[in-house]
Amino acid sequence: MTIGNYPDINVTLDDYVATVTIQRPPHNFFDYNLICAIADAFEDLDKNPDCRAIVLTAEGKSFCAG
């Protein structure tokens, strides 16, 4: 299930595992706004008793840049 509404990332939660996917292809450049979105998602997931693990992934040909 998709949870939250965060800019440039998608967050899903299935079977106690959250997947946070960076969606800024092709290179997923990090900037202040992206870092804040990831931090907000992690903080929200930390408060969720249905989340026991977090996997950070990315779309595009590079995991991240910047």
PDB file of N, CA and C in Angstrom:
ATOM      1  N   MET A   1       0.834  -1.166   0.000  1.00  0.00           N
ATOM      2  CA  MET A   1       0.000   0.000   0.000  1.00  0.00           C
ATOM      3  C   MET A   1       0.886   1.238   0.000  1.00  0.00           C
ATOM      4  N   THR A   2       0.498   2.241  -0.754  1.00  0.00           N
ATOM      5  CA  THR A   2       1.223   3.504  -0.792  1.00  0.00           C
ATOM      6  C   THR A   2       0.810   4.346   0.407  1.00  0.00           C
ATOM      7  N   ILE A   3       1.791   4.923   1.068  1.00  0.00           N
ATOM      8  CA  ILE A   3       1.481   5.769   2.223  1.00  0.00           C
ATOM      9  C   ILE A   3       2.150   7.124   2.071  1.00  0.00           C
ATOM     10  N   GLY A   4       1.540   8.138   2.653  1.00  0.00           N
ATOM     11  CA  GLY A   4       2.119   9.468   2.652  1.00  0.00           C
ATOM     12  C   GLY A   4       2.079  10.140   1.300  1.00  0.00           C
ATOM     13  N   ASN A   5       2.403  11.412   1.319  1.00  0.00           N
ATOM     14  CA  ASN A   5       2.487  12.201   0.101  1.00  0.00           C
ATOM     15  C   ASN A   5       3.740  13.060   0.216  1.00  0.00           C
ATOM     16  N   TYR A   6       4.807  12.600  -0.404  1.00  0.00           N
ATOM     17  CA  TYR A   6       6.102  13.259  -0.290  1.00  0.00           C
ATOM     18  C   TYR A   6       6.592  13.638  -1.684  1.00  0.00           C
ATOM     19  N   PRO A   7       7.199  14.836  -1.830  1.00  0.00           N
ATOM     20  CA  PRO A   7       7.714  15.215  -3.148  1.00  0.00           C
ATOM     21  C   PRO A   7       8.923  14.376  -3.546  1.00  0.00           C
ATOM     22  N   ASP A   8       8.926  13.926  -4.780  1.00  0.00           N
ATOM     23  CA  ASP A   8      10.057  13.221  -5.395  1.00  0.00           C
ATOM     24  C   ASP A   8      10.354  11.838  -4.829  1.00  0.00           C
ATOM     25  N   ILE A   9       9.518  11.310  -3.940  1.00  0.00           N
ATOM     26  CA  ILE A   9       9.701   9.937  -3.469  1.00  0.00           C
ATOM     27  C   ILE A   9       8.346   9.246  -3.400  1.00  0.00           C
ATOM     28  N   ASN A  10       8.380   7.932  -3.483  1.00  0.00           N
ATOM     29  CA  ASN A  10       7.193   7.103  -3.317  1.00  0.00           C
ATOM     30  C   ASN A  10       7.453   6.186  -2.127  1.00  0.00           C
ATOM     31  N   VAL A  11       6.458   6.052  -1.260  1.00  0.00           N
ATOM     32  CA  VAL A  11       6.602   5.220  -0.070  1.00  0.00           C
ATOM     33  C   VAL A  11       5.501   4.168  -0.066  1.00  0.00           C
ATOM     34  N   THR A  12       5.905   2.902  -0.014  1.00  0.00           N
ATOM     35  CA  THR A  12       4.948   1.809   0.097  1.00  0.00           C
ATOM     36  C   THR A  12       5.272   0.995   1.341  1.00  0.00           C
ATOM     37  N   LEU A  13       4.250   0.320   1.858  1.00  0.00           N
ATOM     38  CA  LEU A  13       4.421  -0.510   3.045  1.00  0.00           C
ATOM     39  C   LEU A  13       3.667  -1.810   2.829  1.00  0.00           C
ATOM     40  N   ASP A  14       4.403  -2.915   2.812  1.00  0.00           N
ATOM     41  CA  ASP A  14       3.826  -4.243   2.623  1.00  0.00           C
ATOM     42  C   ASP A  14       4.531  -5.223   3.548  1.00  0.00           C
ATOM     43  N   ASP A  15       3.751  -5.983   4.289  1.00  0.00           N
ATOM     44  CA  ASP A  15       4.292  -7.026   5.172  1.00  0.00           C
ATOM     45  C   ASP A  15       5.400  -6.496   6.083  1.00  0.00           C
ATOM     46  N   TYR A  16       5.154  -5.362   6.716  1.00  0.00           N
ATOM     47  CA  TYR A  16       6.068  -4.754   7.695  1.00  0.00           C
ATOM     48  C   TYR A  16       7.344  -4.171   7.080  1.00  0.00           C
ATOM     49  N   VAL A  17       7.451  -4.164   5.744  1.00  0.00           N
ATOM     50  CA  VAL A  17       8.635  -3.615   5.077  1.00  0.00           C
ATOM     51  C   VAL A  17       8.219  -2.401   4.251  1.00  0.00           C
ATOM     52  N   ALA A  18       8.826  -1.255   4.556  1.00  0.00           N
ATOM     53  CA  ALA A  18       8.576  -0.039   3.786  1.00  0.00           C
ATOM     54  C   ALA A  18       9.633   0.075   2.693  1.00  0.00           C
ATOM     55  N   THR A  19       9.195   0.497   1.522  1.00  0.00           N
ATOM     56  CA  THR A  19      10.109   0.776   0.423  1.00  0.00           C
ATOM     57  C   THR A  19       9.977   2.254   0.080  1.00  0.00           C
ATOM     58  N   VAL A  20      11.087   2.963   0.176  1.00  0.00           N
ATOM     59  CA  VAL A  20      11.132   4.382  -0.161  1.00  0.00           C
ATOM     60  C   VAL A  20      11.903   4.487  -1.474  1.00  0.00           C
ATOM     61  N   THR A  21      11.221   4.946  -2.525  1.00  0.00           N
ATOM     62  CA  THR A  21      11.822   5.012  -3.854  1.00  0.00           C
ATOM     63  C   THR A  21      12.013   6.465  -4.263  1.00  0.00           C
ATOM     64  N   ILE A  22      13.262   6.825  -4.551  1.00  0.00           N
ATOM     65  CA  ILE A  22      13.566   8.167  -5.047  1.00  0.00           C
ATOM     66  C   ILE A  22      13.130   8.215  -6.506  1.00  0.00           C
ATOM     67  N   GLN A  23      12.358   9.243  -6.868  1.00  0.00           N
ATOM     68  CA  GLN A  23      11.810   9.343  -8.220  1.00  0.00           C
ATOM     69  C   GLN A  23      12.255  10.641  -8.890  1.00  0.00           C
ATOM     70  N   ARG A  24      13.551  10.731  -9.136  1.00  0.00           N
ATOM     71  CA  ARG A  24      14.108  11.891  -9.832  1.00  0.00           C
ATOM     72  C   ARG A  24      15.106  11.424 -10.891  1.00  0.00           C
ATOM     73  N   PRO A  25      14.672  10.522 -11.800  1.00  0.00           N
ATOM     74  CA  PRO A  25      15.605  10.035 -12.802  1.00  0.00           C
ATOM     75  C   PRO A  25      16.034  11.162 -13.745  1.00  0.00           C
ATOM     76  N   PRO A  26      17.153  11.009 -14.430  1.00  0.00           N
ATOM     77  CA  PRO A  26      17.904   9.768 -14.565  1.00  0.00           C
ATOM     78  C   PRO A  26      18.950   9.550 -13.473  1.00  0.00           C
ATOM     79  N   HIS A  27      19.343  10.602 -12.739  1.00  0.00           N
ATOM     80  CA  HIS A  27      20.445  10.431 -11.782  1.00  0.00           C
ATOM     81  C   HIS A  27      20.055  10.668 -10.326  1.00  0.00           C
ATOM     82  N   ASN A  28      18.796  11.020 -10.075  1.00  0.00           N
ATOM     83  CA  ASN A  28      18.300  11.195  -8.705  1.00  0.00           C
ATOM     84  C   ASN A  28      19.170  12.148  -7.892  1.00  0.00           C
ATOM     85  N   PHE A  29      19.354  13.348  -8.439  1.00  0.00           N
ATOM     86  CA  PHE A  29      20.179  14.347  -7.759  1.00  0.00           C
ATOM     87  C   PHE A  29      19.594  14.711  -6.402  1.00  0.00           C
ATOM     88  N   PHE A  30      20.434  14.703  -5.385  1.00  0.00           N
ATOM     89  CA  PHE A  30      20.034  15.088  -4.033  1.00  0.00           C
ATOM     90  C   PHE A  30      20.091  16.607  -3.905  1.00  0.00           C
ATOM     91  N   ASP A  31      19.071  17.169  -3.301  1.00  0.00           N
ATOM     92  CA  ASP A  31      19.092  18.565  -2.895  1.00  0.00           C
ATOM     93  C   ASP A  31      18.400  18.654  -1.537  1.00  0.00           C
ATOM     94  N   TYR A  32      18.324  19.846  -1.009  1.00  0.00           N
ATOM     95  CA  TYR A  32      17.751  20.039   0.327  1.00  0.00           C
ATOM     96  C   TYR A  32      16.324  19.494   0.417  1.00  0.00           C
ATOM     97  N   ASN A  33      15.498  19.763  -0.601  1.00  0.00           N
ATOM     98  CA  ASN A  33      14.102  19.321  -0.573  1.00  0.00           C
ATOM     99  C   ASN A  33      13.981  17.804  -0.579  1.00  0.00           C
ATOM    100  N   LEU A  34      14.815  17.130  -1.354  1.00  0.00           N
ATOM    101  CA  LEU A  34      14.774  15.668  -1.387  1.00  0.00           C
ATOM    102  C   LEU A  34      15.219  15.087  -0.045  1.00  0.00           C
ATOM    103  N   ILE A  35      16.266  15.642   0.526  1.00  0.00           N
ATOM    104  CA  ILE A  35      16.738  15.167   1.833  1.00  0.00           C
ATOM    105  C   ILE A  35      15.645  15.347   2.886  1.00  0.00           C
ATOM    106  N   CYS A  36      14.947  16.478   2.852  1.00  0.00           N
ATOM    107  CA  CYS A  36      13.848  16.713   3.803  1.00  0.00           C
ATOM    108  C   CYS A  36      12.713  15.720   3.590  1.00  0.00           C
ATOM    109  N   ALA A  37      12.377  15.422   2.340  1.00  0.00           N
ATOM    110  CA  ALA A  37      11.302  14.470   2.056  1.00  0.00           C
ATOM    111  C   ALA A  37      11.655  13.077   2.573  1.00  0.00           C
ATOM    112  N   ILE A  38      12.892  12.645   2.351  1.00  0.00           N
ATOM    113  CA  ILE A  38      13.322  11.331   2.842  1.00  0.00           C
ATOM    114  C   ILE A  38      13.309  11.316   4.369  1.00  0.00           C
ATOM    115  N   ALA A  39      13.810  12.370   4.994  1.00  0.00           N
ATOM    116  CA  ALA A  39      13.818  12.441   6.462  1.00  0.00           C
ATOM    117  C   ALA A  39      12.400  12.416   7.017  1.00  0.00           C
ATOM    118  N   ASP A  40      11.481  13.154   6.395  1.00  0.00           N
ATOM    119  CA  ASP A  40      10.084  13.156   6.847  1.00  0.00           C
ATOM    120  C   ASP A  40       9.468  11.769   6.725  1.00  0.00           C
ATOM    121  N   ALA A  41       9.733  11.101   5.603  1.00  0.00           N
ATOM    122  CA  ALA A  41       9.194   9.754   5.407  1.00  0.00           C
ATOM    123  C   ALA A  41       9.751   8.791   6.448  1.00  0.00           C
ATOM    124  N   PHE A  42      11.053   8.854   6.703  1.00  0.00           N
ATOM    125  CA  PHE A  42      11.660   7.972   7.704  1.00  0.00           C
ATOM    126  C   PHE A  42      11.086   8.237   9.097  1.00  0.00           C
ATOM    127  N   GLU A  43      10.888   9.502   9.442  1.00  0.00           N
ATOM    128  CA  GLU A  43      10.313   9.834  10.749  1.00  0.00           C
ATOM    129  C   GLU A  43       8.886   9.306  10.869  1.00  0.00           C
ATOM    130  N   ASP A  44       8.092   9.464   9.805  1.00  0.00           N
ATOM    131  CA  ASP A  44       6.723   8.949   9.822  1.00  0.00           C
ATOM    132  C   ASP A  44       6.708   7.428   9.919  1.00  0.00           C
ATOM    133  N   LEU A  45       7.605   6.768   9.199  1.00  0.00           N
ATOM    134  CA  LEU A  45       7.672   5.306   9.258  1.00  0.00           C
ATOM    135  C   LEU A  45       8.129   4.826  10.628  1.00  0.00           C
ATOM    136  N   ASP A  46       9.003   5.577  11.277  1.00  0.00           N
ATOM    137  CA  ASP A  46       9.468   5.214  12.617  1.00  0.00           C
ATOM    138  C   ASP A  46       8.315   5.196  13.622  1.00  0.00           C
ATOM    139  N   LYS A  47       7.330   6.035  13.406  1.00  0.00           N
ATOM    140  CA  LYS A  47       6.164   6.104  14.296  1.00  0.00           C
ATOM    141  C   LYS A  47       5.111   5.043  13.974  1.00  0.00           C
ATOM    142  N   ASN A  48       5.249   4.381  12.831  1.00  0.00           N
ATOM    143  CA  ASN A  48       4.248   3.418  12.375  1.00  0.00           C
ATOM    144  C   ASN A  48       4.584   2.021  12.904  1.00  0.00           C
ATOM    145  N   PRO A  49       3.718   1.436  13.745  1.00  0.00           N
ATOM    146  CA  PRO A  49       4.009   0.110  14.296  1.00  0.00           C
ATOM    147  C   PRO A  49       3.987  -1.007  13.253  1.00  0.00           C
ATOM    148  N   ASP A  50       3.443  -0.726  12.066  1.00  0.00           N
ATOM    149  CA  ASP A  50       3.414  -1.732  11.004  1.00  0.00           C
ATOM    150  C   ASP A  50       4.693  -1.748  10.174  1.00  0.00           C
ATOM    151  N   CYS A  51       5.646  -0.876  10.494  1.00  0.00           N
ATOM    152  CA  CYS A  51       6.917  -0.815   9.764  1.00  0.00           C
ATOM    153  C   CYS A  51       8.040  -1.350  10.644  1.00  0.00           C
ATOM    154  N   ARG A  52       8.708  -2.379  10.141  1.00  0.00           N
ATOM    155  CA  ARG A  52       9.835  -2.970  10.873  1.00  0.00           C
ATOM    156  C   ARG A  52      11.164  -2.836  10.129  1.00  0.00           C
ATOM    157  N   ALA A  53      11.100  -2.505   8.848  1.00  0.00           N
ATOM    158  CA  ALA A  53      12.320  -2.338   8.046  1.00  0.00           C
ATOM    159  C   ALA A  53      12.035  -1.336   6.932  1.00  0.00           C
ATOM    160  N   ILE A  54      13.094  -0.648   6.484  1.00  0.00           N
ATOM    161  CA  ILE A  54      12.972   0.317   5.393  1.00  0.00           C
ATOM    162  C   ILE A  54      14.024  -0.007   4.339  1.00  0.00           C
ATOM    163  N   VAL A  55      13.580  -0.078   3.079  1.00  0.00           N
ATOM    164  CA  VAL A  55      14.471  -0.289   1.941  1.00  0.00           C
ATOM    165  C   VAL A  55      14.468   1.001   1.128  1.00  0.00           C
ATOM    166  N   LEU A  56      15.647   1.563   0.869  1.00  0.00           N
ATOM    167  CA  LEU A  56      15.771   2.780   0.070  1.00  0.00           C
ATOM    168  C   LEU A  56      16.220   2.388  -1.330  1.00  0.00           C
ATOM    169  N   THR A  57      15.415   2.746  -2.333  1.00  0.00           N
ATOM    170  CA  THR A  57      15.706   2.420  -3.726  1.00  0.00           C
ATOM    171  C   THR A  57      15.578   3.688  -4.565  1.00  0.00           C
ATOM    172  N   ALA A  58      15.884   3.563  -5.864  1.00  0.00           N
ATOM    173  CA  ALA A  58      15.766   4.712  -6.754  1.00  0.00           C
ATOM    174  C   ALA A  58      15.423   4.266  -8.162  1.00  0.00           C
ATOM    175  N   GLU A  59      14.708   5.139  -8.880  1.00  0.00           N
ATOM    176  CA  GLU A  59      14.431   4.914 -10.293  1.00  0.00           C
ATOM    177  C   GLU A  59      15.560   5.513 -11.118  1.00  0.00           C
ATOM    178  N   GLY A  60      15.671   5.086 -12.365  1.00  0.00           N
ATOM    179  CA  GLY A  60      16.659   5.662 -13.259  1.00  0.00           C
ATOM    180  C   GLY A  60      17.934   4.852 -13.331  1.00  0.00           C
ATOM    181  N   LYS A  61      18.906   5.378 -14.074  1.00  0.00           N
ATOM    182  CA  LYS A  61      20.129   4.612 -14.302  1.00  0.00           C
ATOM    183  C   LYS A  61      21.170   4.771 -13.204  1.00  0.00           C
ATOM    184  N   SER A  62      20.984   5.741 -12.315  1.00  0.00           N
ATOM    185  CA  SER A  62      21.899   5.932 -11.190  1.00  0.00           C
ATOM    186  C   SER A  62      21.101   5.922  -9.896  1.00  0.00           C
ATOM    187  N   PHE A  63      21.708   5.376  -8.829  1.00  0.00           N
ATOM    188  CA  PHE A  63      21.012   5.405  -7.542  1.00  0.00           C
ATOM    189  C   PHE A  63      20.863   6.837  -7.066  1.00  0.00           C
ATOM    190  N   CYS A  64      21.967   7.603  -7.051  1.00  0.00           N
ATOM    191  CA  CYS A  64      21.870   9.003  -6.644  1.00  0.00           C
ATOM    192  C   CYS A  64      23.103   9.774  -7.094  1.00  0.00           C
ATOM    193  N   ALA A  65      22.950  11.076  -7.093  1.00  0.00           N
ATOM    194  CA  ALA A  65      24.050  11.986  -7.387  1.00  0.00           C
ATOM    195  C   ALA A  65      23.798  13.260  -6.599  1.00  0.00           C
ATOM    196  N   GLY A  66      24.855  13.969  -6.343  1.00  0.00           N
ATOM    197  CA  GLY A  66      24.677  15.250  -5.661  1.00  0.00           C
ATOM    198  C   GLY A  66      25.186  15.226  -4.253  1.00  0.00           C
TER     199      GLY A  66
END
